[in-house]
Structure formats: structure tokens, C-alpha cells
Amino acid sequence: MITLPPEVEILVQRQVESGKYGSIEEALLAGMQLLEQQQSEEEDIYQGRLPELQRLAQIGWEESQRGAVVDGPTAMNQILEDLRSRFGDGQS
């Protein structure tokens, strides 16, 4: 037997009472299947991008070793200036 916290019991019972699920077990199973699907999709996303992320991290490290990086405020100012030159300053 599994004991659920009261707030979880309320959520599950609400799903059953809405008619979406025929029993508490069905509602819990649907929730667990959704969680498993979400975790699987997240793993797929990160696994598919791992080589790319490693390559980008290596590029960043090499650039920082050459001193080819800027601090946060400088980077933000450069981004804002680029946006202003593309789209105007937003003032009318």
C-alpha cells in the first residue's frame, strides 16, 4: 500500500471525480506515464545535443584563454547597441 500526501490525494481524487479517470489507480498510472515520457524526452534532448554542447564549451574555453571574452555588462551593452541599430531605440 502506498500512502500519498494529502495534497496529492486531493489532486488525484479531483481527476477521478471529473470523470477523466475511472479510478485512483488509473489517474496515478496516467500521471506516472506522463512523468516517464517527460523524463525520456528530456534525456533525448540532452543526449542529442551533448557533442554540440561539449564543442561549444571547448570553443568558449579556448577563447577565454586567448582573452577573447568580455564581461557581462560589456556584453549586455553590445547586445543592446546591436538591437538599437537593427530596430531603433524604441523612442518616438
C-alpha atoms as a PDB file:
ATOM      1  CA  MET A   1       0.000   0.000   0.000  1.00  0.00           C
ATOM      2  CA  ILE A   2       1.221   3.483  -0.870  1.00  0.00           C
ATOM      3  CA  THR A   3       0.379   6.469   1.281  1.00  0.00           C
ATOM      4  CA  LEU A   4       0.035   9.739  -0.586  1.00  0.00           C
ATOM      5  CA  PRO A   5       0.426  13.195   0.901  1.00  0.00           C
ATOM      6  CA  PRO A   6      -2.972  14.884   1.369  1.00  0.00           C
ATOM      7  CA  GLU A   7      -2.369  17.408  -1.432  1.00  0.00           C
ATOM      8  CA  VAL A   8      -1.626  14.594  -3.891  1.00  0.00           C
ATOM      9  CA  GLU A   9      -4.703  12.686  -2.769  1.00  0.00           C
ATOM     10  CA  ILE A  10      -6.814  15.772  -3.441  1.00  0.00           C
ATOM     11  CA  LEU A  11      -5.363  16.202  -6.943  1.00  0.00           C
ATOM     12  CA  VAL A  12      -5.891  12.549  -7.817  1.00  0.00           C
ATOM     13  CA  GLN A  13      -9.407  12.483  -6.395  1.00  0.00           C
ATOM     14  CA  ARG A  14     -10.260  15.632  -8.365  1.00  0.00           C
ATOM     15  CA  GLN A  15      -9.194  13.899 -11.583  1.00  0.00           C
ATOM     16  CA  VAL A  16     -11.333  10.850 -10.801  1.00  0.00           C
ATOM     17  CA  GLU A  17     -14.349  12.977  -9.844  1.00  0.00           C
ATOM     18  CA  SER A  18     -14.045  14.930 -13.093  1.00  0.00           C
ATOM     19  CA  GLY A  19     -14.656  11.714 -14.999  1.00  0.00           C
ATOM     20  CA  LYS A  20     -11.286  11.787 -16.739  1.00  0.00           C
ATOM     21  CA  TYR A  21     -10.270   8.572 -14.986  1.00  0.00           C
ATOM     22  CA  GLY A  22     -12.304   5.655 -13.718  1.00  0.00           C
ATOM     23  CA  SER A  23     -10.246   5.071 -10.597  1.00  0.00           C
ATOM     24  CA  ILE A  24      -7.450   6.417  -8.471  1.00  0.00           C
ATOM     25  CA  GLU A  25      -5.173   3.758  -9.924  1.00  0.00           C
ATOM     26  CA  GLU A  26      -5.912   4.919 -13.499  1.00  0.00           C
ATOM     27  CA  ALA A  27      -5.177   8.532 -12.585  1.00  0.00           C
ATOM     28  CA  LEU A  28      -1.919   7.638 -10.863  1.00  0.00           C
ATOM     29  CA  LEU A  29      -0.858   5.413 -13.764  1.00  0.00           C
ATOM     30  CA  ALA A  30      -1.543   8.214 -16.257  1.00  0.00           C
ATOM     31  CA  GLY A  31       0.495  10.610 -14.146  1.00  0.00           C
ATOM     32  CA  MET A  32       3.417   8.210 -13.879  1.00  0.00           C
ATOM     33  CA  GLN A  33       3.330   7.522 -17.629  1.00  0.00           C
ATOM     34  CA  LEU A  34       3.394  11.240 -18.343  1.00  0.00           C
ATOM     35  CA  LEU A  35       6.323  11.731 -15.968  1.00  0.00           C
ATOM     36  CA  GLU A  36       8.228   8.870 -17.593  1.00  0.00           C
ATOM     37  CA  GLN A  37       7.559  10.301 -21.056  1.00  0.00           C
ATOM     38  CA  GLN A  38       8.727  13.761 -19.980  1.00  0.00           C
ATOM     39  CA  GLN A  39      11.931  12.399 -18.459  1.00  0.00           C
ATOM     40  CA  SER A  40      12.638  10.332 -21.555  1.00  0.00           C
ATOM     41  CA  GLU A  41      12.155  13.364 -23.817  1.00  0.00           C
ATOM     42  CA  GLU A  42      14.455  15.465 -21.632  1.00  0.00           C
ATOM     43  CA  GLU A  43      17.153  12.797 -21.756  1.00  0.00           C
ATOM     44  CA  ASP A  44      16.820  12.568 -25.551  1.00  0.00           C
ATOM     45  CA  ILE A  45      17.172  16.339 -25.909  1.00  0.00           C
ATOM     46  CA  TYR A  46      20.336  16.492 -23.812  1.00  0.00           C
ATOM     47  CA  GLN A  47      21.877  13.342 -25.262  1.00  0.00           C
ATOM     48  CA  GLY A  48      21.300  14.554 -28.800  1.00  0.00           C
ATOM     49  CA  ARG A  49      22.971  17.884 -28.017  1.00  0.00           C
ATOM     50  CA  LEU A  50      25.800  16.658 -25.811  1.00  0.00           C
ATOM     51  CA  PRO A  51      28.504  16.626 -28.537  1.00  0.00           C
ATOM     52  CA  GLU A  52      27.443  20.091 -29.719  1.00  0.00           C
ATOM     53  CA  LEU A  53      27.431  21.476 -26.174  1.00  0.00           C
ATOM     54  CA  GLN A  54      30.858  19.970 -25.493  1.00  0.00           C
ATOM     55  CA  ARG A  55      32.212  21.536 -28.696  1.00  0.00           C
ATOM     56  CA  LEU A  56      30.777  24.954 -27.784  1.00  0.00           C
ATOM     57  CA  ALA A  57      32.183  24.712 -24.269  1.00  0.00           C
ATOM     58  CA  GLN A  58      35.615  23.921 -25.714  1.00  0.00           C
ATOM     59  CA  ILE A  59      35.402  26.929 -28.060  1.00  0.00           C
ATOM     60  CA  GLY A  60      34.442  29.162 -25.128  1.00  0.00           C
ATOM     61  CA  TRP A  61      37.291  27.854 -23.014  1.00  0.00           C
ATOM     62  CA  GLU A  62      39.822  28.415 -25.806  1.00  0.00           C
ATOM     63  CA  GLU A  63      38.544  31.952 -26.412  1.00  0.00           C
ATOM     64  CA  SER A  64      38.745  32.764 -22.704  1.00  0.00           C
ATOM     65  CA  GLN A  65      42.344  31.527 -22.636  1.00  0.00           C
ATOM     66  CA  ARG A  66      43.162  33.928 -25.503  1.00  0.00           C
ATOM     67  CA  GLY A  67      41.407  36.765 -23.679  1.00  0.00           C
ATOM     68  CA  ALA A  68      38.738  36.991 -26.384  1.00  0.00           C
ATOM     69  CA  VAL A  69      35.850  37.392 -23.941  1.00  0.00           C
ATOM     70  CA  VAL A  70      34.089  40.362 -22.378  1.00  0.00           C
ATOM     71  CA  ASP A  71      32.477  40.822 -19.003  1.00  0.00           C
ATOM     72  CA  GLY A  72      28.716  40.632 -18.533  1.00  0.00           C
ATOM     73  CA  PRO A  73      27.916  44.375 -18.509  1.00  0.00           C
ATOM     74  CA  THR A  74      30.036  44.943 -21.620  1.00  0.00           C
ATOM     75  CA  ALA A  75      28.325  42.045 -23.396  1.00  0.00           C
ATOM     76  CA  MET A  76      24.874  43.396 -22.487  1.00  0.00           C
ATOM     77  CA  ASN A  77      25.797  46.870 -23.737  1.00  0.00           C
ATOM     78  CA  GLN A  78      26.999  45.363 -27.027  1.00  0.00           C
ATOM     79  CA  ILE A  79      23.759  43.383 -27.388  1.00  0.00           C
ATOM     80  CA  LEU A  80      21.619  46.451 -26.634  1.00  0.00           C
ATOM     81  CA  GLU A  81      23.582  48.568 -29.108  1.00  0.00           C
ATOM     82  CA  ASP A  82      23.141  45.893 -31.767  1.00  0.00           C
ATOM     83  CA  LEU A  83      19.379  45.790 -31.123  1.00  0.00           C
ATOM     84  CA  ARG A  84      19.149  49.579 -31.280  1.00  0.00           C
ATOM     85  CA  SER A  85      20.987  49.662 -34.593  1.00  0.00           C
ATOM     86  CA  ARG A  86      18.678  46.990 -36.000  1.00  0.00           C
ATOM     87  CA  PHE A  87      15.334  48.145 -34.624  1.00  0.00           C
ATOM     88  CA  GLY A  88      15.812  51.719 -33.434  1.00  0.00           C
ATOM     89  CA  ASP A  89      15.915  52.911 -29.865  1.00  0.00           C
ATOM     90  CA  GLY A  90      12.205  52.384 -29.228  1.00  0.00           C
ATOM     91  CA  GLN A  91      11.585  56.039 -28.502  1.00  0.00           C
ATOM     92  CA  SER A  92       9.132  58.011 -30.626  1.00  0.00           C
END
